[in-house]
Amino acid sequence: MNLALAFVLFSGGAPRSGDAWFGRDKMLHFAASAVAQSVAYSLFHRDARYAVAIERASLVTLSLGVGKELYDWRHPARHQASWRDLAWDGVGGGAATIMLHQTAR
């Protein structure tokens, strides 16, 4: 994806109370999940074949995303839990998985 297009789509957006589909917060969820997926895969791939490493990395990424939303749910004065944040976590982890699949072969 073109970096300029990504910046335009994700940098603006509605305030957090509106929980828009696009915005800085969603970009951060996407990026954090992509990084978590990549780092976890790198650590697991040292001792396991591709399919096992990707599966374990996906579980780590999912756990981090769900854990963050549970934290937000338990501390509503500071943060709001969001299904849309989880969706962007999934998209970020999925994008990293596709990239890893293309480069790991």
PDB file of N, CA and C in Angstrom:
ATOM      1  N   MET A   1       0.858  -1.181   0.000  1.00  0.00           N
ATOM      2  CA  MET A   1       0.000   0.000   0.000  1.00  0.00           C
ATOM      3  C   MET A   1       0.899   1.238   0.000  1.00  0.00           C
ATOM      4  N   ASN A   2       0.485   2.201  -0.719  1.00  0.00           N
ATOM      5  CA  ASN A   2       1.219   3.454  -0.799  1.00  0.00           C
ATOM      6  C   ASN A   2       1.245   4.125   0.575  1.00  0.00           C
ATOM      7  N   LEU A   3       2.417   4.519   1.018  1.00  0.00           N
ATOM      8  CA  LEU A   3       2.568   5.120   2.351  1.00  0.00           C
ATOM      9  C   LEU A   3       1.764   6.409   2.499  1.00  0.00           C
ATOM     10  N   ALA A   4       1.712   7.213   1.458  1.00  0.00           N
ATOM     11  CA  ALA A   4       0.934   8.463   1.528  1.00  0.00           C
ATOM     12  C   ALA A   4      -0.553   8.170   1.687  1.00  0.00           C
ATOM     13  N   LEU A   5      -1.054   7.185   0.960  1.00  0.00           N
ATOM     14  CA  LEU A   5      -2.466   6.805   1.081  1.00  0.00           C
ATOM     15  C   LEU A   5      -2.762   6.302   2.490  1.00  0.00           C
ATOM     16  N   ALA A   6      -1.880   5.492   3.036  1.00  0.00           N
ATOM     17  CA  ALA A   6      -2.067   4.997   4.395  1.00  0.00           C
ATOM     18  C   ALA A   6      -2.107   6.148   5.385  1.00  0.00           C
ATOM     19  N   PHE A   7      -1.228   7.114   5.224  1.00  0.00           N
ATOM     20  CA  PHE A   7      -1.207   8.260   6.127  1.00  0.00           C
ATOM     21  C   PHE A   7      -2.520   9.032   6.065  1.00  0.00           C
ATOM     22  N   VAL A   8      -3.018   9.263   4.855  1.00  0.00           N
ATOM     23  CA  VAL A   8      -4.272  10.006   4.693  1.00  0.00           C
ATOM     24  C   VAL A   8      -5.436   9.245   5.321  1.00  0.00           C
ATOM     25  N   LEU A   9      -5.480   7.931   5.120  1.00  0.00           N
ATOM     26  CA  LEU A   9      -6.593   7.139   5.647  1.00  0.00           C
ATOM     27  C   LEU A   9      -6.582   7.063   7.167  1.00  0.00           C
ATOM     28  N   PHE A  10      -5.388   6.929   7.749  1.00  0.00           N
ATOM     29  CA  PHE A  10      -5.315   6.638   9.173  1.00  0.00           C
ATOM     30  C   PHE A  10      -4.998   7.821  10.068  1.00  0.00           C
ATOM     31  N   SER A  11      -4.442   8.880   9.568  1.00  0.00           N
ATOM     32  CA  SER A  11      -3.996   9.947  10.452  1.00  0.00           C
ATOM     33  C   SER A  11      -5.123  10.823  10.965  1.00  0.00           C
ATOM     34  N   GLY A  12      -6.169  10.981  10.210  1.00  0.00           N
ATOM     35  CA  GLY A  12      -7.296  11.809  10.655  1.00  0.00           C
ATOM     36  C   GLY A  12      -8.292  10.957  11.408  1.00  0.00           C
ATOM     37  N   GLY A  13      -9.521  11.373  11.393  1.00  0.00           N
ATOM     38  CA  GLY A  13     -10.551  10.538  11.985  1.00  0.00           C
ATOM     39  C   GLY A  13     -11.297  11.220  13.100  1.00  0.00           C
ATOM     40  N   ALA A  14     -12.363  10.597  13.472  1.00  0.00           N
ATOM     41  CA  ALA A  14     -13.243  11.119  14.509  1.00  0.00           C
ATOM     42  C   ALA A  14     -12.614  10.936  15.884  1.00  0.00           C
ATOM     43  N   PRO A  15     -13.093  11.666  16.865  1.00  0.00           N
ATOM     44  CA  PRO A  15     -12.603  11.471  18.226  1.00  0.00           C
ATOM     45  C   PRO A  15     -12.882  10.057  18.710  1.00  0.00           C
ATOM     46  N   ARG A  16     -12.164   9.655  19.726  1.00  0.00           N
ATOM     47  CA  ARG A  16     -12.270   8.295  20.263  1.00  0.00           C
ATOM     48  C   ARG A  16     -13.696   7.944  20.649  1.00  0.00           C
ATOM     49  N   SER A  17     -14.449   8.882  21.154  1.00  0.00           N
ATOM     50  CA  SER A  17     -15.813   8.585  21.598  1.00  0.00           C
ATOM     51  C   SER A  17     -16.672   8.100  20.447  1.00  0.00           C
ATOM     52  N   GLY A  18     -16.354   8.512  19.204  1.00  0.00           N
ATOM     53  CA  GLY A  18     -17.091   8.054  18.044  1.00  0.00           C
ATOM     54  C   GLY A  18     -16.627   6.692  17.569  1.00  0.00           C
ATOM     55  N   ASP A  19     -15.452   6.277  17.954  1.00  0.00           N
ATOM     56  CA  ASP A  19     -14.856   5.007  17.566  1.00  0.00           C
ATOM     57  C   ASP A  19     -14.983   4.771  16.071  1.00  0.00           C
ATOM     58  N   ALA A  20     -14.422   5.667  15.291  1.00  0.00           N
ATOM     59  CA  ALA A  20     -14.455   5.545  13.838  1.00  0.00           C
ATOM     60  C   ALA A  20     -13.633   4.343  13.389  1.00  0.00           C
ATOM     61  N   TRP A  21     -13.904   3.873  12.196  1.00  0.00           N
ATOM     62  CA  TRP A  21     -13.147   2.748  11.633  1.00  0.00           C
ATOM     63  C   TRP A  21     -11.732   3.152  11.253  1.00  0.00           C
ATOM     64  N   PHE A  22     -11.534   4.428  10.925  1.00  0.00           N
ATOM     65  CA  PHE A  22     -10.216   4.905  10.515  1.00  0.00           C
ATOM     66  C   PHE A  22      -9.775   6.025  11.435  1.00  0.00           C
ATOM     67  N   GLY A  23      -8.495   6.044  11.742  1.00  0.00           N
ATOM     68  CA  GLY A  23      -7.944   7.076  12.598  1.00  0.00           C
ATOM     69  C   GLY A  23      -6.598   6.640  13.136  1.00  0.00           C
ATOM     70  N   ARG A  24      -5.969   7.519  13.864  1.00  0.00           N
ATOM     71  CA  ARG A  24      -4.634   7.245  14.398  1.00  0.00           C
ATOM     72  C   ARG A  24      -4.635   6.009  15.296  1.00  0.00           C
ATOM     73  N   ASP A  25      -5.641   5.865  16.136  1.00  0.00           N
ATOM     74  CA  ASP A  25      -5.713   4.721  17.046  1.00  0.00           C
ATOM     75  C   ASP A  25      -5.769   3.405  16.274  1.00  0.00           C
ATOM     76  N   LYS A  26      -6.516   3.389  15.190  1.00  0.00           N
ATOM     77  CA  LYS A  26      -6.631   2.151  14.404  1.00  0.00           C
ATOM     78  C   LYS A  26      -5.311   1.834  13.705  1.00  0.00           C
ATOM     79  N   MET A  27      -4.596   2.878  13.244  1.00  0.00           N
ATOM     80  CA  MET A  27      -3.288   2.671  12.633  1.00  0.00           C
ATOM     81  C   MET A  27      -2.322   2.061  13.651  1.00  0.00           C
ATOM     82  N   LEU A  28      -2.399   2.539  14.895  1.00  0.00           N
ATOM     83  CA  LEU A  28      -1.521   2.004  15.941  1.00  0.00           C
ATOM     84  C   LEU A  28      -1.844   0.547  16.245  1.00  0.00           C
ATOM     85  N   HIS A  29      -3.128   0.196  16.267  1.00  0.00           N
ATOM     86  CA  HIS A  29      -3.509  -1.206  16.479  1.00  0.00           C
ATOM     87  C   HIS A  29      -2.989  -2.078  15.342  1.00  0.00           C
ATOM     88  N   PHE A  30      -3.159  -1.604  14.104  1.00  0.00           N
ATOM     89  CA  PHE A  30      -2.673  -2.333  12.935  1.00  0.00           C
ATOM     90  C   PHE A  30      -1.169  -2.551  13.037  1.00  0.00           C
ATOM     91  N   ALA A  31      -0.430  -1.470  13.278  1.00  0.00           N
ATOM     92  CA  ALA A  31       1.030  -1.539  13.305  1.00  0.00           C
ATOM     93  C   ALA A  31       1.541  -2.395  14.462  1.00  0.00           C
ATOM     94  N   ALA A  32       0.961  -2.221  15.644  1.00  0.00           N
ATOM     95  CA  ALA A  32       1.408  -2.997  16.810  1.00  0.00           C
ATOM     96  C   ALA A  32       1.184  -4.482  16.589  1.00  0.00           C
ATOM     97  N   SER A  33       0.067  -4.841  16.002  1.00  0.00           N
ATOM     98  CA  SER A  33      -0.219  -6.256  15.755  1.00  0.00           C
ATOM     99  C   SER A  33       0.689  -6.829  14.673  1.00  0.00           C
ATOM    100  N   ALA A  34       0.969  -6.039  13.655  1.00  0.00           N
ATOM    101  CA  ALA A  34       1.880  -6.498  12.608  1.00  0.00           C
ATOM    102  C   ALA A  34       3.283  -6.732  13.181  1.00  0.00           C
ATOM    103  N   VAL A  35       3.734  -5.835  14.019  1.00  0.00           N
ATOM    104  CA  VAL A  35       5.052  -5.988  14.649  1.00  0.00           C
ATOM    105  C   VAL A  35       5.049  -7.190  15.597  1.00  0.00           C
ATOM    106  N   ALA A  36       3.998  -7.325  16.410  1.00  0.00           N
ATOM    107  CA  ALA A  36       3.919  -8.452  17.345  1.00  0.00           C
ATOM    108  C   ALA A  36       3.938  -9.776  16.580  1.00  0.00           C
ATOM    109  N   GLN A  37       3.185  -9.850  15.501  1.00  0.00           N
ATOM    110  CA  GLN A  37       3.141 -11.077  14.694  1.00  0.00           C
ATOM    111  C   GLN A  37       4.518 -11.396  14.122  1.00  0.00           C
ATOM    112  N   SER A  38       5.195 -10.393  13.615  1.00  0.00           N
ATOM    113  CA  SER A  38       6.505 -10.593  13.000  1.00  0.00           C
ATOM    114  C   SER A  38       7.559 -11.008  14.027  1.00  0.00           C
ATOM    115  N   VAL A  39       7.569 -10.333  15.153  1.00  0.00           N
ATOM    116  CA  VAL A  39       8.566 -10.650  16.190  1.00  0.00           C
ATOM    117  C   VAL A  39       8.301 -12.035  16.774  1.00  0.00           C
ATOM    118  N   ALA A  40       7.049 -12.334  17.082  1.00  0.00           N
ATOM    119  CA  ALA A  40       6.726 -13.655  17.633  1.00  0.00           C
ATOM    120  C   ALA A  40       7.075 -14.749  16.636  1.00  0.00           C
ATOM    121  N   TYR A  41       6.761 -14.539  15.363  1.00  0.00           N
ATOM    122  CA  TYR A  41       7.110 -15.536  14.341  1.00  0.00           C
ATOM    123  C   TYR A  41       8.625 -15.745  14.310  1.00  0.00           C
ATOM    124  N   SER A  42       9.378 -14.657  14.351  1.00  0.00           N
ATOM    125  CA  SER A  42      10.838 -14.769  14.307  1.00  0.00           C
ATOM    126  C   SER A  42      11.366 -15.585  15.481  1.00  0.00           C
ATOM    127  N   LEU A  43      10.788 -15.393  16.634  1.00  0.00           N
ATOM    128  CA  LEU A  43      11.231 -16.142  17.812  1.00  0.00           C
ATOM    129  C   LEU A  43      10.847 -17.620  17.720  1.00  0.00           C
ATOM    130  N   PHE A  44       9.638 -17.910  17.272  1.00  0.00           N
ATOM    131  CA  PHE A  44       9.179 -19.295  17.189  1.00  0.00           C
ATOM    132  C   PHE A  44       9.791 -20.046  16.011  1.00  0.00           C
ATOM    133  N   HIS A  45      10.112 -19.358  14.945  1.00  0.00           N
ATOM    134  CA  HIS A  45      10.627 -20.020  13.746  1.00  0.00           C
ATOM    135  C   HIS A  45      12.026 -20.592  13.976  1.00  0.00           C
ATOM    136  N   ARG A  46      12.692 -20.146  14.990  1.00  0.00           N
ATOM    137  CA  ARG A  46      14.019 -20.673  15.290  1.00  0.00           C
ATOM    138  C   ARG A  46      13.956 -22.150  15.652  1.00  0.00           C
ATOM    139  N   ASP A  47      12.850 -22.572  16.308  1.00  0.00           N
ATOM    140  CA  ASP A  47      12.732 -23.945  16.789  1.00  0.00           C
ATOM    141  C   ASP A  47      11.610 -24.734  16.133  1.00  0.00           C
ATOM    142  N   ALA A  48      10.867 -24.136  15.220  1.00  0.00           N
ATOM    143  CA  ALA A  48       9.716 -24.823  14.635  1.00  0.00           C
ATOM    144  C   ALA A  48       9.613 -24.511  13.147  1.00  0.00           C
ATOM    145  N   ARG A  49       8.914 -25.384  12.433  1.00  0.00           N
ATOM    146  CA  ARG A  49       8.713 -25.124  11.008  1.00  0.00           C
ATOM    147  C   ARG A  49       7.712 -23.990  10.826  1.00  0.00           C
ATOM    148  N   TYR A  50       7.554 -23.527   9.586  1.00  0.00           N
ATOM    149  CA  TYR A  50       6.754 -22.338   9.276  1.00  0.00           C
ATOM    150  C   TYR A  50       5.342 -22.402   9.860  1.00  0.00           C
ATOM    151  N   ALA A  51       4.609 -23.472   9.579  1.00  0.00           N
ATOM    152  CA  ALA A  51       3.193 -23.542   9.985  1.00  0.00           C
ATOM    153  C   ALA A  51       3.030 -23.462  11.497  1.00  0.00           C
ATOM    154  N   VAL A  52       3.881 -24.132  12.219  1.00  0.00           N
ATOM    155  CA  VAL A  52       3.808 -24.109  13.684  1.00  0.00           C
ATOM    156  C   VAL A  52       4.183 -22.725  14.208  1.00  0.00           C
ATOM    157  N   ALA A  53       5.224 -22.136  13.643  1.00  0.00           N
ATOM    158  CA  ALA A  53       5.666 -20.810  14.087  1.00  0.00           C
ATOM    159  C   ALA A  53       4.595 -19.758  13.828  1.00  0.00           C
ATOM    160  N   ILE A  54       3.938 -19.810  12.670  1.00  0.00           N
ATOM    161  CA  ILE A  54       2.891 -18.831  12.344  1.00  0.00           C
ATOM    162  C   ILE A  54       1.700 -19.017  13.266  1.00  0.00           C
ATOM    163  N   GLU A  55       1.349 -20.256  13.559  1.00  0.00           N
ATOM    164  CA  GLU A  55       0.221 -20.527  14.464  1.00  0.00           C
ATOM    165  C   GLU A  55       0.495 -19.973  15.860  1.00  0.00           C
ATOM    166  N   ARG A  56       1.673 -20.224  16.364  1.00  0.00           N
ATOM    167  CA  ARG A  56       2.033 -19.722  17.692  1.00  0.00           C
ATOM    168  C   ARG A  56       2.106 -18.197  17.715  1.00  0.00           C
ATOM    169  N   ALA A  57       2.663 -17.624  16.673  1.00  0.00           N
ATOM    170  CA  ALA A  57       2.745 -16.158  16.584  1.00  0.00           C
ATOM    171  C   ALA A  57       1.346 -15.550  16.544  1.00  0.00           C
ATOM    172  N   SER A  58       0.431 -16.189  15.834  1.00  0.00           N
ATOM    173  CA  SER A  58      -0.950 -15.695  15.761  1.00  0.00           C
ATOM    174  C   SER A  58      -1.621 -15.737  17.124  1.00  0.00           C
ATOM    175  N   LEU A  59      -1.353 -16.782  17.894  1.00  0.00           N
ATOM    176  CA  LEU A  59      -1.920 -16.860  19.245  1.00  0.00           C
ATOM    177  C   LEU A  59      -1.359 -15.763  20.146  1.00  0.00           C
ATOM    178  N   VAL A  60      -0.077 -15.467  20.007  1.00  0.00           N
ATOM    179  CA  VAL A  60       0.524 -14.375  20.783  1.00  0.00           C
ATOM    180  C   VAL A  60      -0.121 -13.047  20.406  1.00  0.00           C
ATOM    181  N   THR A  61      -0.253 -12.798  19.108  1.00  0.00           N
ATOM    182  CA  THR A  61      -0.836 -11.545  18.630  1.00  0.00           C
ATOM    183  C   THR A  61      -2.278 -11.406  19.085  1.00  0.00           C
ATOM    184  N   LEU A  62      -3.042 -12.473  18.968  1.00  0.00           N
ATOM    185  CA  LEU A  62      -4.437 -12.465  19.422  1.00  0.00           C
ATOM    186  C   LEU A  62      -4.518 -12.200  20.922  1.00  0.00           C
ATOM    187  N   SER A  63      -3.661 -12.840  21.679  1.00  0.00           N
ATOM    188  CA  SER A  63      -3.659 -12.651  23.136  1.00  0.00           C
ATOM    189  C   SER A  63      -3.340 -11.209  23.517  1.00  0.00           C
ATOM    190  N   LEU A  64      -2.391 -10.613  22.824  1.00  0.00           N
ATOM    191  CA  LEU A  64      -2.053  -9.215  23.104  1.00  0.00           C
ATOM    192  C   LEU A  64      -3.217  -8.283  22.784  1.00  0.00           C
ATOM    193  N   GLY A  65      -3.874  -8.498  21.647  1.00  0.00           N
ATOM    194  CA  GLY A  65      -4.999  -7.647  21.257  1.00  0.00           C
ATOM    195  C   GLY A  65      -6.180  -7.775  22.206  1.00  0.00           C
ATOM    196  N   VAL A  66      -6.533  -9.016  22.531  1.00  0.00           N
ATOM    197  CA  VAL A  66      -7.653  -9.234  23.453  1.00  0.00           C
ATOM    198  C   VAL A  66      -7.296  -8.718  24.838  1.00  0.00           C
ATOM    199  N   GLY A  67      -6.053  -8.946  25.256  1.00  0.00           N
ATOM    200  CA  GLY A  67      -5.615  -8.448  26.562  1.00  0.00           C
ATOM    201  C   GLY A  67      -5.708  -6.935  26.661  1.00  0.00           C
ATOM    202  N   LYS A  68      -5.320  -6.244  25.599  1.00  0.00           N
ATOM    203  CA  LYS A  68      -5.409  -4.780  25.588  1.00  0.00           C
ATOM    204  C   LYS A  68      -6.854  -4.319  25.690  1.00  0.00           C
ATOM    205  N   GLU A  69      -7.752  -4.952  24.967  1.00  0.00           N
ATOM    206  CA  GLU A  69      -9.166  -4.561  25.035  1.00  0.00           C
ATOM    207  C   GLU A  69      -9.788  -4.914  26.383  1.00  0.00           C
ATOM    208  N   LEU A  70      -9.381  -6.005  26.990  1.00  0.00           N
ATOM    209  CA  LEU A  70      -9.860  -6.327  28.345  1.00  0.00           C
ATOM    210  C   LEU A  70      -9.368  -5.281  29.345  1.00  0.00           C
ATOM    211  N   TYR A  71      -8.129  -4.848  29.173  1.00  0.00           N
ATOM    212  CA  TYR A  71      -7.605  -3.786  30.024  1.00  0.00           C
ATOM    213  C   TYR A  71      -8.436  -2.511  29.842  1.00  0.00           C
ATOM    214  N   ASP A  72      -8.713  -2.158  28.590  1.00  0.00           N
ATOM    215  CA  ASP A  72      -9.524  -0.968  28.314  1.00  0.00           C
ATOM    216  C   ASP A  72     -10.923  -1.095  28.910  1.00  0.00           C
ATOM    217  N   TRP A  73     -11.484  -2.277  28.867  1.00  0.00           N
ATOM    218  CA  TRP A  73     -12.824  -2.525  29.409  1.00  0.00           C
ATOM    219  C   TRP A  73     -12.822  -2.387  30.929  1.00  0.00           C
ATOM    220  N   ARG A  74     -11.734  -2.827  31.576  1.00  0.00           N
ATOM    221  CA  ARG A  74     -11.643  -2.762  33.039  1.00  0.00           C
ATOM    222  C   ARG A  74     -11.307  -1.362  33.539  1.00  0.00           C
ATOM    223  N   HIS A  75     -10.794  -0.504  32.685  1.00  0.00           N
ATOM    224  CA  HIS A  75     -10.417   0.866  33.055  1.00  0.00           C
ATOM    225  C   HIS A  75     -11.123   1.864  32.135  1.00  0.00           C
ATOM    226  N   PRO A  76     -12.450   1.931  32.205  1.00  0.00           N
ATOM    227  CA  PRO A  76     -13.194   2.777  31.254  1.00  0.00           C
ATOM    228  C   PRO A  76     -12.946   4.278  31.426  1.00  0.00           C
ATOM    229  N   ALA A  77     -12.436   4.704  32.571  1.00  0.00           N
ATOM    230  CA  ALA A  77     -12.174   6.132  32.756  1.00  0.00           C
ATOM    231  C   ALA A  77     -11.035   6.603  31.858  1.00  0.00           C
ATOM    232  N   ARG A  78     -10.099   5.692  31.547  1.00  0.00           N
ATOM    233  CA  ARG A  78      -8.950   6.051  30.716  1.00  0.00           C
ATOM    234  C   ARG A  78      -9.111   5.622  29.259  1.00  0.00           C
ATOM    235  N   HIS A  79      -9.745   4.497  29.039  1.00  0.00           N
ATOM    236  CA  HIS A  79      -9.828   3.926  27.689  1.00  0.00           C
ATOM    237  C   HIS A  79     -11.204   3.314  27.460  1.00  0.00           C
ATOM    238  N   GLN A  80     -11.566   3.161  26.201  1.00  0.00           N
ATOM    239  CA  GLN A  80     -12.789   2.460  25.834  1.00  0.00           C
ATOM    240  C   GLN A  80     -12.415   1.176  25.131  1.00  0.00           C
ATOM    241  N   ALA A  81     -13.053   0.072  25.504  1.00  0.00           N
ATOM    242  CA  ALA A  81     -12.859  -1.172  24.771  1.00  0.00           C
ATOM    243  C   ALA A  81     -13.557  -1.028  23.424  1.00  0.00           C
ATOM    244  N   SER A  82     -13.010  -1.669  22.403  1.00  0.00           N
ATOM    245  CA  SER A  82     -13.558  -1.489  21.063  1.00  0.00           C
ATOM    246  C   SER A  82     -13.401  -2.751  20.222  1.00  0.00           C
ATOM    247  N   TRP A  83     -14.521  -3.195  19.647  1.00  0.00           N
ATOM    248  CA  TRP A  83     -14.482  -4.304  18.699  1.00  0.00           C
ATOM    249  C   TRP A  83     -13.732  -3.883  17.441  1.00  0.00           C
ATOM    250  N   ARG A  84     -13.804  -2.607  17.099  1.00  0.00           N
ATOM    251  CA  ARG A  84     -13.103  -2.125  15.906  1.00  0.00           C
ATOM    252  C   ARG A  84     -11.594  -2.168  16.101  1.00  0.00           C
ATOM    253  N   ASP A  85     -11.148  -1.903  17.321  1.00  0.00           N
ATOM    254  CA  ASP A  85      -9.718  -2.048  17.609  1.00  0.00           C
ATOM    255  C   ASP A  85      -9.284  -3.495  17.397  1.00  0.00           C
ATOM    256  N   LEU A  86     -10.094  -4.442  17.862  1.00  0.00           N
ATOM    257  CA  LEU A  86      -9.777  -5.854  17.667  1.00  0.00           C
ATOM    258  C   LEU A  86      -9.759  -6.219  16.189  1.00  0.00           C
ATOM    259  N   ALA A  87     -10.669  -5.643  15.430  1.00  0.00           N
ATOM    260  CA  ALA A  87     -10.684  -5.906  13.989  1.00  0.00           C
ATOM    261  C   ALA A  87      -9.376  -5.441  13.349  1.00  0.00           C
ATOM    262  N   TRP A  88      -8.913  -4.239  13.735  1.00  0.00           N
ATOM    263  CA  TRP A  88      -7.657  -3.732  13.178  1.00  0.00           C
ATOM    264  C   TRP A  88      -6.456  -4.534  13.677  1.00  0.00           C
ATOM    265  N   ASP A  89      -6.549  -5.067  14.899  1.00  0.00           N
ATOM    266  CA  ASP A  89      -5.507  -5.982  15.372  1.00  0.00           C
ATOM    267  C   ASP A  89      -5.432  -7.199  14.453  1.00  0.00           C
ATOM    268  N   GLY A  90      -6.586  -7.729  14.095  1.00  0.00           N
ATOM    269  CA  GLY A  90      -6.629  -8.886  13.200  1.00  0.00           C
ATOM    270  C   GLY A  90      -6.101  -8.574  11.811  1.00  0.00           C
ATOM    271  N   VAL A  91      -6.442  -7.401  11.296  1.00  0.00           N
ATOM    272  CA  VAL A  91      -5.953  -7.004   9.975  1.00  0.00           C
ATOM    273  C   VAL A  91      -4.434  -6.836   9.997  1.00  0.00           C
ATOM    274  N   GLY A  92      -3.915  -6.243  11.050  1.00  0.00           N
ATOM    275  CA  GLY A  92      -2.459  -6.069  11.160  1.00  0.00           C
ATOM    276  C   GLY A  92      -1.728  -7.394  11.261  1.00  0.00           C
ATOM    277  N   GLY A  93      -2.247  -8.283  12.103  1.00  0.00           N
ATOM    278  CA  GLY A  93      -1.635  -9.605  12.224  1.00  0.00           C
ATOM    279  C   GLY A  93      -1.736 -10.390  10.925  1.00  0.00           C
ATOM    280  N   GLY A  94      -2.879 -10.262  10.253  1.00  0.00           N
ATOM    281  CA  GLY A  94      -3.059 -10.948   8.976  1.00  0.00           C
ATOM    282  C   GLY A  94      -2.132 -10.418   7.898  1.00  0.00           C
ATOM    283  N   ALA A  95      -1.956  -9.110   7.850  1.00  0.00           N
ATOM    284  CA  ALA A  95      -1.046  -8.513   6.869  1.00  0.00           C
ATOM    285  C   ALA A  95       0.386  -8.994   7.095  1.00  0.00           C
ATOM    286  N   ALA A  96       0.786  -9.060   8.357  1.00  0.00           N
ATOM    287  CA  ALA A  96       2.133  -9.550   8.660  1.00  0.00           C
ATOM    288  C   ALA A  96       2.269 -11.016   8.264  1.00  0.00           C
ATOM    289  N   THR A  97       1.233 -11.807   8.487  1.00  0.00           N
ATOM    290  CA  THR A  97       1.272 -13.217   8.121  1.00  0.00           C
ATOM    291  C   THR A  97       1.441 -13.379   6.616  1.00  0.00           C
ATOM    292  N   ILE A  98       0.716 -12.565   5.846  1.00  0.00           N
ATOM    293  CA  ILE A  98       0.856 -12.637   4.385  1.00  0.00           C
ATOM    294  C   ILE A  98       2.273 -12.273   3.965  1.00  0.00           C
ATOM    295  N   MET A  99       2.815 -11.223   4.555  1.00  0.00           N
ATOM    296  CA  MET A  99       4.177 -10.823   4.219  1.00  0.00           C
ATOM    297  C   MET A  99       5.180 -11.905   4.626  1.00  0.00           C
ATOM    298  N   LEU A 100       4.997 -12.497   5.795  1.00  0.00           N
ATOM    299  CA  LEU A 100       5.899 -13.556   6.249  1.00  0.00           C
ATOM    300  C   LEU A 100       5.805 -14.776   5.328  1.00  0.00           C
ATOM    301  N   HIS A 101       4.606 -15.091   4.891  1.00  0.00           N
ATOM    302  CA  HIS A 101       4.415 -16.227   3.993  1.00  0.00           C
ATOM    303  C   HIS A 101       5.167 -16.001   2.685  1.00  0.00           C
ATOM    304  N   GLN A 102       5.149 -14.773   2.190  1.00  0.00           N
ATOM    305  CA  GLN A 102       5.840 -14.464   0.942  1.00  0.00           C
ATOM    306  C   GLN A 102       7.362 -14.506   1.084  1.00  0.00           C
ATOM    307  N   THR A 103       7.853 -14.181   2.260  1.00  0.00           N
ATOM    308  CA  THR A 103       9.312 -14.109   2.439  1.00  0.00           C
ATOM    309  C   THR A 103       9.909 -15.361   3.072  1.00  0.00           C
ATOM    310  N   ALA A 104       9.106 -16.172   3.725  1.00  0.00           N
ATOM    311  CA  ALA A 104       9.628 -17.333   4.454  1.00  0.00           C
ATOM    312  C   ALA A 104       9.875 -18.529   3.549  1.00  0.00           C
ATOM    313  N   ARG A 105       9.393 -18.499   2.364  1.00  0.00           N
ATOM    314  CA  ARG A 105       9.521 -19.662   1.474  1.00  0.00           C
ATOM    315  C   ARG A 105      10.810 -19.673   0.734  1.00  0.00           C
TER     316      ARG A 105
END
